[in-house]
PDB file of all heavy atoms in Angstrom:
ATOM      1  N   SER A   1      14.054   8.199  -3.309  1.00  0.00           N
ATOM      2  CA  SER A   1      15.110   7.224  -3.615  1.00  0.00           C
ATOM      3  C   SER A   1      15.142   6.136  -2.531  1.00  0.00           C
ATOM      4  O   SER A   1      14.554   6.320  -1.450  1.00  0.00           O
ATOM      5  CB  SER A   1      16.471   7.933  -3.669  1.00  0.00           C
ATOM      6  OG  SER A   1      16.792   8.550  -2.435  1.00  0.00           O
ATOM      7  N   ILE A   2      15.796   5.052  -2.873  1.00  0.00           N
ATOM      8  CA  ILE A   2      15.856   3.944  -1.918  1.00  0.00           C
ATOM      9  C   ILE A   2      17.283   3.447  -1.794  1.00  0.00           C
ATOM     10  O   ILE A   2      17.999   3.351  -2.804  1.00  0.00           O
ATOM     11  CB  ILE A   2      14.893   2.826  -2.373  1.00  0.00           C
ATOM     12  CG1 ILE A   2      14.673   1.780  -1.256  1.00  0.00           C
ATOM     13  CG2 ILE A   2      15.317   2.194  -3.682  1.00  0.00           C
ATOM     14  CD1 ILE A   2      13.480   0.898  -1.496  1.00  0.00           C
ATOM     15  N   ASP A   3      17.681   3.128  -0.583  1.00  0.00           N
ATOM     16  CA  ASP A   3      18.982   2.531  -0.331  1.00  0.00           C
ATOM     17  C   ASP A   3      18.716   1.166   0.247  1.00  0.00           C
ATOM     18  O   ASP A   3      18.542   1.002   1.483  1.00  0.00           O
ATOM     19  CB  ASP A   3      19.752   3.406   0.688  1.00  0.00           C
ATOM     20  CG  ASP A   3      21.106   2.822   1.038  1.00  0.00           C
ATOM     21  OD1 ASP A   3      21.455   1.731   0.564  1.00  0.00           O
ATOM     22  OD2 ASP A   3      21.823   3.497   1.826  1.00  0.00           O
ATOM     23  N   ASN A   4      18.633   0.188  -0.601  1.00  0.00           N
ATOM     24  CA  ASN A   4      18.201  -1.130  -0.173  1.00  0.00           C
ATOM     25  C   ASN A   4      19.136  -1.787   0.837  1.00  0.00           C
ATOM     26  O   ASN A   4      18.659  -2.298   1.855  1.00  0.00           O
ATOM     27  CB  ASN A   4      18.043  -2.028  -1.413  1.00  0.00           C
ATOM     28  CG  ASN A   4      17.449  -3.357  -1.065  1.00  0.00           C
ATOM     29  OD1 ASN A   4      16.529  -3.396  -0.257  1.00  0.00           O
ATOM     30  ND2 ASN A   4      18.002  -4.402  -1.588  1.00  0.00           N
ATOM     31  N   PRO A   5      20.452  -1.779   0.673  1.00  0.00           N
ATOM     32  CA  PRO A   5      21.321  -2.445   1.649  1.00  0.00           C
ATOM     33  C   PRO A   5      21.126  -1.867   3.055  1.00  0.00           C
ATOM     34  O   PRO A   5      21.281  -2.610   4.053  1.00  0.00           O
ATOM     35  CB  PRO A   5      22.716  -2.177   1.139  1.00  0.00           C
ATOM     36  CG  PRO A   5      22.554  -1.936  -0.316  1.00  0.00           C
ATOM     37  CD  PRO A   5      21.230  -1.231  -0.460  1.00  0.00           C
ATOM     38  N   ASN A   6      20.834  -0.577   3.165  1.00  0.00           N
ATOM     39  CA  ASN A   6      20.688   0.027   4.483  1.00  0.00           C
ATOM     40  C   ASN A   6      19.245   0.176   4.920  1.00  0.00           C
ATOM     41  O   ASN A   6      18.962   0.791   5.941  1.00  0.00           O
ATOM     42  CB  ASN A   6      21.387   1.420   4.497  1.00  0.00           C
ATOM     43  CG  ASN A   6      22.879   1.299   4.389  1.00  0.00           C
ATOM     44  OD1 ASN A   6      23.514   0.570   5.199  1.00  0.00           O
ATOM     45  ND2 ASN A   6      23.486   1.964   3.438  1.00  0.00           N
ATOM     46  N   LYS A   7      18.323  -0.369   4.109  1.00  0.00           N
ATOM     47  CA  LYS A   7      16.912  -0.385   4.435  1.00  0.00           C
ATOM     48  C   LYS A   7      16.377   1.019   4.678  1.00  0.00           C
ATOM     49  O   LYS A   7      15.656   1.284   5.663  1.00  0.00           O
ATOM     50  CB  LYS A   7      16.658  -1.270   5.661  1.00  0.00           C
ATOM     51  CG  LYS A   7      17.141  -2.710   5.513  1.00  0.00           C
ATOM     52  CD  LYS A   7      16.852  -3.499   6.771  1.00  0.00           C
ATOM     53  CE  LYS A   7      17.426  -4.875   6.639  1.00  0.00           C
ATOM     54  NZ  LYS A   7      17.150  -5.676   7.893  1.00  0.00           N
ATOM     55  N   MET A   8      16.728   1.947   3.792  1.00  0.00           N
ATOM     56  CA  MET A   8      16.318   3.307   3.955  1.00  0.00           C
ATOM     57  C   MET A   8      15.611   3.826   2.668  1.00  0.00           C
ATOM     58  O   MET A   8      15.995   3.465   1.595  1.00  0.00           O
ATOM     59  CB  MET A   8      17.520   4.233   4.215  1.00  0.00           C
ATOM     60  CG  MET A   8      18.247   3.931   5.521  1.00  0.00           C
ATOM     61  SD  MET A   8      17.275   4.304   6.972  1.00  0.00           S
ATOM     62  CE  MET A   8      17.172   6.096   6.850  1.00  0.00           C
ATOM     63  N   VAL A   9      14.609   4.660   2.875  1.00  0.00           N
ATOM     64  CA  VAL A   9      13.949   5.344   1.795  1.00  0.00           C
ATOM     65  C   VAL A   9      14.043   6.846   2.074  1.00  0.00           C
ATOM     66  O   VAL A   9      13.863   7.267   3.236  1.00  0.00           O
ATOM     67  CB  VAL A   9      12.469   4.936   1.658  1.00  0.00           C
ATOM     68  CG1 VAL A   9      11.831   5.657   0.498  1.00  0.00           C
ATOM     69  CG2 VAL A   9      12.407   3.424   1.463  1.00  0.00           C
ATOM     70  N   TYR A  10      14.298   7.641   1.086  1.00  0.00           N
ATOM     71  CA  TYR A  10      14.497   9.068   1.254  1.00  0.00           C
ATOM     72  C   TYR A  10      13.531   9.877   0.411  1.00  0.00           C
ATOM     73  O   TYR A  10      13.121   9.419  -0.665  1.00  0.00           O
ATOM     74  CB  TYR A  10      15.922   9.470   0.906  1.00  0.00           C
ATOM     75  CG  TYR A  10      16.975   8.742   1.664  1.00  0.00           C
ATOM     76  CD1 TYR A  10      17.660   7.667   1.133  1.00  0.00           C
ATOM     77  CD2 TYR A  10      17.281   9.133   2.975  1.00  0.00           C
ATOM     78  CE1 TYR A  10      18.632   7.006   1.870  1.00  0.00           C
ATOM     79  CE2 TYR A  10      18.252   8.449   3.707  1.00  0.00           C
ATOM     80  CZ  TYR A  10      18.927   7.396   3.158  1.00  0.00           C
ATOM     81  OH  TYR A  10      19.875   6.732   3.899  1.00  0.00           O
ATOM     82  N   LEU A  11      13.263  11.062   0.873  1.00  0.00           N
ATOM     83  CA  LEU A  11      12.518  12.028   0.087  1.00  0.00           C
ATOM     84  C   LEU A  11      13.256  13.367   0.179  1.00  0.00           C
ATOM     85  O   LEU A  11      13.266  13.999   1.222  1.00  0.00           O
ATOM     86  CB  LEU A  11      11.101  12.207   0.597  1.00  0.00           C
ATOM     87  CG  LEU A  11      10.213  13.132  -0.253  1.00  0.00           C
ATOM     88  CD1 LEU A  11       9.955  12.516  -1.638  1.00  0.00           C
ATOM     89  CD2 LEU A  11       8.878  13.475   0.444  1.00  0.00           C
ATOM     90  N   GLN A  12      13.979  13.680  -0.892  1.00  0.00           N
ATOM     91  CA  GLN A  12      14.700  14.963  -0.954  1.00  0.00           C
ATOM     92  C   GLN A  12      13.714  16.017  -1.427  1.00  0.00           C
ATOM     93  O   GLN A  12      13.129  15.883  -2.524  1.00  0.00           O
ATOM     94  CB  GLN A  12      15.888  14.870  -1.905  1.00  0.00           C
ATOM     95  CG  GLN A  12      16.624  16.143  -2.080  1.00  0.00           C
ATOM     96  CD  GLN A  12      17.372  16.607  -0.825  1.00  0.00           C
ATOM     97  OE1 GLN A  12      17.955  15.794  -0.138  1.00  0.00           O
ATOM     98  NE2 GLN A  12      17.255  17.867  -0.494  1.00  0.00           N
ATOM     99  N   MET A  13      13.560  17.058  -0.652  1.00  0.00           N
ATOM    100  CA  MET A  13      12.579  18.103  -0.928  1.00  0.00           C
ATOM    101  C   MET A  13      13.328  19.422  -1.107  1.00  0.00           C
ATOM    102  O   MET A  13      13.956  19.927  -0.159  1.00  0.00           O
ATOM    103  CB  MET A  13      11.545  18.221   0.177  1.00  0.00           C
ATOM    104  CG  MET A  13      10.873  16.904   0.513  1.00  0.00           C
ATOM    105  SD  MET A  13       9.513  17.074   1.702  1.00  0.00           S
ATOM    106  CE  MET A  13      10.411  17.620   3.143  1.00  0.00           C
ATOM    107  N   ASN A  14      13.274  19.991  -2.295  1.00  0.00           N
ATOM    108  CA  ASN A  14      13.928  21.229  -2.598  1.00  0.00           C
ATOM    109  C   ASN A  14      12.887  22.317  -2.983  1.00  0.00           C
ATOM    110  O   ASN A  14      11.724  21.965  -3.276  1.00  0.00           O
ATOM    111  CB  ASN A  14      14.915  21.046  -3.774  1.00  0.00           C
ATOM    112  CG  ASN A  14      16.008  20.070  -3.455  1.00  0.00           C
ATOM    113  OD1 ASN A  14      16.443  19.971  -2.321  1.00  0.00           O
ATOM    114  ND2 ASN A  14      16.466  19.349  -4.468  1.00  0.00           N
ATOM    115  N   SER A  15      13.316  23.540  -2.932  1.00  0.00           N
ATOM    116  CA  SER A  15      12.396  24.654  -3.294  1.00  0.00           C
ATOM    117  C   SER A  15      11.085  24.532  -2.593  1.00  0.00           C
ATOM    118  O   SER A  15       9.998  24.647  -3.192  1.00  0.00           O
ATOM    119  CB  SER A  15      12.179  24.654  -4.815  1.00  0.00           C
ATOM    120  OG  SER A  15      13.400  24.789  -5.540  1.00  0.00           O
ATOM    121  N   LEU A  16      11.152  24.327  -1.271  1.00  0.00           N
ATOM    122  CA  LEU A  16       9.921  24.104  -0.497  1.00  0.00           C
ATOM    123  C   LEU A  16       9.051  25.353  -0.498  1.00  0.00           C
ATOM    124  O   LEU A  16       9.501  26.474  -0.554  1.00  0.00           O
ATOM    125  CB  LEU A  16      10.308  23.719   0.919  1.00  0.00           C
ATOM    126  CG  LEU A  16      10.749  22.244   1.026  1.00  0.00           C
ATOM    127  CD1 LEU A  16      11.549  22.065   2.338  1.00  0.00           C
ATOM    128  CD2 LEU A  16       9.565  21.335   1.007  1.00  0.00           C
ATOM    129  N   LYS A  17       7.744  25.070  -0.444  1.00  0.00           N
ATOM    130  CA  LYS A  17       6.722  26.094  -0.432  1.00  0.00           C
ATOM    131  C   LYS A  17       5.887  25.931   0.839  1.00  0.00           C
ATOM    132  O   LYS A  17       5.829  24.831   1.431  1.00  0.00           O
ATOM    133  CB  LYS A  17       5.831  25.980  -1.663  1.00  0.00           C
ATOM    134  CG  LYS A  17       6.582  26.000  -2.993  1.00  0.00           C
ATOM    135  CD  LYS A  17       5.627  25.763  -4.147  1.00  0.00           C
ATOM    136  CE  LYS A  17       6.365  25.769  -5.462  1.00  0.00           C
ATOM    137  NZ  LYS A  17       5.439  25.517  -6.640  1.00  0.00           N
ATOM    138  N   ALA A  18       5.182  26.997   1.199  1.00  0.00           N
ATOM    139  CA  ALA A  18       4.327  26.926   2.375  1.00  0.00           C
ATOM    140  C   ALA A  18       3.298  25.841   2.257  1.00  0.00           C
ATOM    141  O   ALA A  18       2.976  25.166   3.247  1.00  0.00           O
ATOM    142  CB  ALA A  18       3.670  28.288   2.600  1.00  0.00           C
ATOM    143  N   GLU A  19       2.818  25.583   1.052  1.00  0.00           N
ATOM    144  CA  GLU A  19       1.811  24.534   0.849  1.00  0.00           C
ATOM    145  C   GLU A  19       2.371  23.116   0.977  1.00  0.00           C
ATOM    146  O   GLU A  19       1.570  22.146   0.938  1.00  0.00           O
ATOM    147  CB  GLU A  19       1.092  24.727  -0.515  1.00  0.00           C
ATOM    148  CG  GLU A  19       2.050  24.833  -1.689  1.00  0.00           C
ATOM    149  CD  GLU A  19       2.292  26.308  -2.071  1.00  0.00           C
ATOM    150  OE1 GLU A  19       2.483  27.146  -1.148  1.00  0.00           O
ATOM    151  OE2 GLU A  19       2.286  26.599  -3.263  1.00  0.00           O
ATOM    152  N   ASP A  20       3.664  22.983   1.159  1.00  0.00           N
ATOM    153  CA  ASP A  20       4.235  21.657   1.416  1.00  0.00           C
ATOM    154  C   ASP A  20       4.143  21.321   2.878  1.00  0.00           C
ATOM    155  O   ASP A  20       4.493  20.183   3.275  1.00  0.00           O
ATOM    156  CB  ASP A  20       5.698  21.624   0.965  1.00  0.00           C
ATOM    157  CG  ASP A  20       5.866  21.771  -0.540  1.00  0.00           C
ATOM    158  OD1 ASP A  20       5.066  21.185  -1.281  1.00  0.00           O
ATOM    159  OD2 ASP A  20       6.803  22.476  -0.947  1.00  0.00           O
ATOM    160  N   THR A  21       3.700  22.214   3.692  1.00  0.00           N
ATOM    161  CA  THR A  21       3.589  21.996   5.159  1.00  0.00           C
ATOM    162  C   THR A  21       2.629  20.839   5.460  1.00  0.00           C
ATOM    163  O   THR A  21       1.580  20.766   4.834  1.00  0.00           O
ATOM    164  CB  THR A  21       3.132  23.264   5.873  1.00  0.00           C
ATOM    165  OG1 THR A  21       4.147  24.263   5.729  1.00  0.00           O
ATOM    166  CG2 THR A  21       2.816  22.998   7.328  1.00  0.00           C
ATOM    167  N   GLY A  22       3.032  19.953   6.376  1.00  0.00           N
ATOM    168  CA  GLY A  22       2.191  18.876   6.775  1.00  0.00           C
ATOM    169  C   GLY A  22       2.955  17.776   7.453  1.00  0.00           C
ATOM    170  O   GLY A  22       4.168  17.866   7.527  1.00  0.00           O
ATOM    171  N   ALA A  23       2.240  16.748   7.902  1.00  0.00           N
ATOM    172  CA  ALA A  23       2.870  15.565   8.435  1.00  0.00           C
ATOM    173  C   ALA A  23       3.156  14.649   7.244  1.00  0.00           C
ATOM    174  O   ALA A  23       2.268  14.355   6.468  1.00  0.00           O
ATOM    175  CB  ALA A  23       1.974  14.908   9.468  1.00  0.00           C
ATOM    176  N   TYR A  24       4.387  14.165   7.169  1.00  0.00           N
ATOM    177  CA  TYR A  24       4.798  13.302   6.085  1.00  0.00           C
ATOM    178  C   TYR A  24       4.927  11.846   6.571  1.00  0.00           C
ATOM    179  O   TYR A  24       5.577  11.613   7.611  1.00  0.00           O
ATOM    180  CB  TYR A  24       6.134  13.784   5.510  1.00  0.00           C
ATOM    181  CG  TYR A  24       5.936  14.957   4.573  1.00  0.00           C
ATOM    182  CD1 TYR A  24       5.586  16.192   5.071  1.00  0.00           C
ATOM    183  CD2 TYR A  24       6.114  14.827   3.188  1.00  0.00           C
ATOM    184  CE1 TYR A  24       5.418  17.285   4.216  1.00  0.00           C
ATOM    185  CE2 TYR A  24       5.956  15.914   2.330  1.00  0.00           C
ATOM    186  CZ  TYR A  24       5.603  17.110   2.852  1.00  0.00           C
ATOM    187  OH  TYR A  24       5.408  18.180   2.010  1.00  0.00           O
ATOM    188  N   TYR A  25       4.324  10.952   5.830  1.00  0.00           N
ATOM    189  CA  TYR A  25       4.276   9.544   6.229  1.00  0.00           C
ATOM    190  C   TYR A  25       4.941   8.658   5.174  1.00  0.00           C
ATOM    191  O   TYR A  25       4.700   8.847   3.977  1.00  0.00           O
ATOM    192  CB  TYR A  25       2.843   9.075   6.391  1.00  0.00           C
ATOM    193  CG  TYR A  25       2.091   9.803   7.465  1.00  0.00           C
ATOM    194  CD1 TYR A  25       1.394  10.962   7.177  1.00  0.00           C
ATOM    195  CD2 TYR A  25       2.066   9.322   8.766  1.00  0.00           C
ATOM    196  CE1 TYR A  25       0.701  11.645   8.153  1.00  0.00           C
ATOM    197  CE2 TYR A  25       1.405   9.994   9.782  1.00  0.00           C
ATOM    198  CZ  TYR A  25       0.696  11.173   9.447  1.00  0.00           C
ATOM    199  OH  TYR A  25      -0.016  11.831  10.441  1.00  0.00           O
ATOM    200  N   CYS A  26       5.737   7.750   5.648  1.00  0.00           N
ATOM    201  CA  CYS A  26       6.339   6.754   4.788  1.00  0.00           C
ATOM    202  C   CYS A  26       5.411   5.519   4.778  1.00  0.00           C
ATOM    203  O   CYS A  26       4.810   5.178   5.807  1.00  0.00           O
ATOM    204  CB  CYS A  26       7.716   6.384   5.357  1.00  0.00           C
ATOM    205  SG  CYS A  26       8.602   5.055   4.502  1.00  0.00           S
ATOM    206  N   ALA A  27       5.349   4.849   3.646  1.00  0.00           N
ATOM    207  CA  ALA A  27       4.450   3.718   3.508  1.00  0.00           C
ATOM    208  C   ALA A  27       5.097   2.659   2.620  1.00  0.00           C
ATOM    209  O   ALA A  27       5.868   2.970   1.740  1.00  0.00           O
ATOM    210  CB  ALA A  27       3.095   4.153   2.929  1.00  0.00           C
ATOM    211  N   ALA A  28       4.696   1.393   2.857  1.00  0.00           N
ATOM    212  CA  ALA A  28       5.183   0.283   2.065  1.00  0.00           C
ATOM    213  C   ALA A  28       4.015  -0.622   1.682  1.00  0.00           C
ATOM    214  O   ALA A  28       3.095  -0.791   2.481  1.00  0.00           O
ATOM    215  CB  ALA A  28       6.217  -0.495   2.837  1.00  0.00           C
ATOM    216  N   ASP A  29       4.073  -1.115   0.497  1.00  0.00           N
ATOM    217  CA  ASP A  29       3.000  -2.042   0.092  1.00  0.00           C
ATOM    218  C   ASP A  29       3.417  -3.479   0.412  1.00  0.00           C
ATOM    219  O   ASP A  29       4.364  -3.688   1.144  1.00  0.00           O
ATOM    220  CB  ASP A  29       2.631  -1.848  -1.382  1.00  0.00           C
ATOM    221  CG  ASP A  29       3.654  -2.369  -2.356  1.00  0.00           C
ATOM    222  OD1 ASP A  29       4.754  -2.839  -1.886  1.00  0.00           O
ATOM    223  OD2 ASP A  29       3.454  -2.296  -3.560  1.00  0.00           O
ATOM    224  N   SER A  30       2.698  -4.420  -0.117  1.00  0.00           N
ATOM    225  CA  SER A  30       3.012  -5.797   0.105  1.00  0.00           C
ATOM    226  C   SER A  30       2.747  -6.585  -1.197  1.00  0.00           C
ATOM    227  O   SER A  30       2.133  -6.037  -2.112  1.00  0.00           O
ATOM    228  CB  SER A  30       2.160  -6.361   1.236  1.00  0.00           C
ATOM    229  OG  SER A  30       0.837  -6.567   0.818  1.00  0.00           O
ATOM    230  N   PRO A  31       3.131  -7.828  -1.250  1.00  0.00           N
ATOM    231  CA  PRO A  31       2.886  -8.614  -2.482  1.00  0.00           C
ATOM    232  C   PRO A  31       1.396  -8.737  -2.817  1.00  0.00           C
ATOM    233  O   PRO A  31       1.053  -9.036  -3.953  1.00  0.00           O
ATOM    234  CB  PRO A  31       3.480  -9.996  -2.111  1.00  0.00           C
ATOM    235  CG  PRO A  31       4.548  -9.677  -1.144  1.00  0.00           C
ATOM    236  CD  PRO A  31       4.021  -8.541  -0.303  1.00  0.00           C
TER     237      PRO A  31
END
């Protein structure tokens, strides 16, 4: 999800599994 006024992007992760382990990176594209 994105909260544009506050310049935030979120990733809500539920029912996590061991295979979800890792470093998580946020990324943005450009025009």
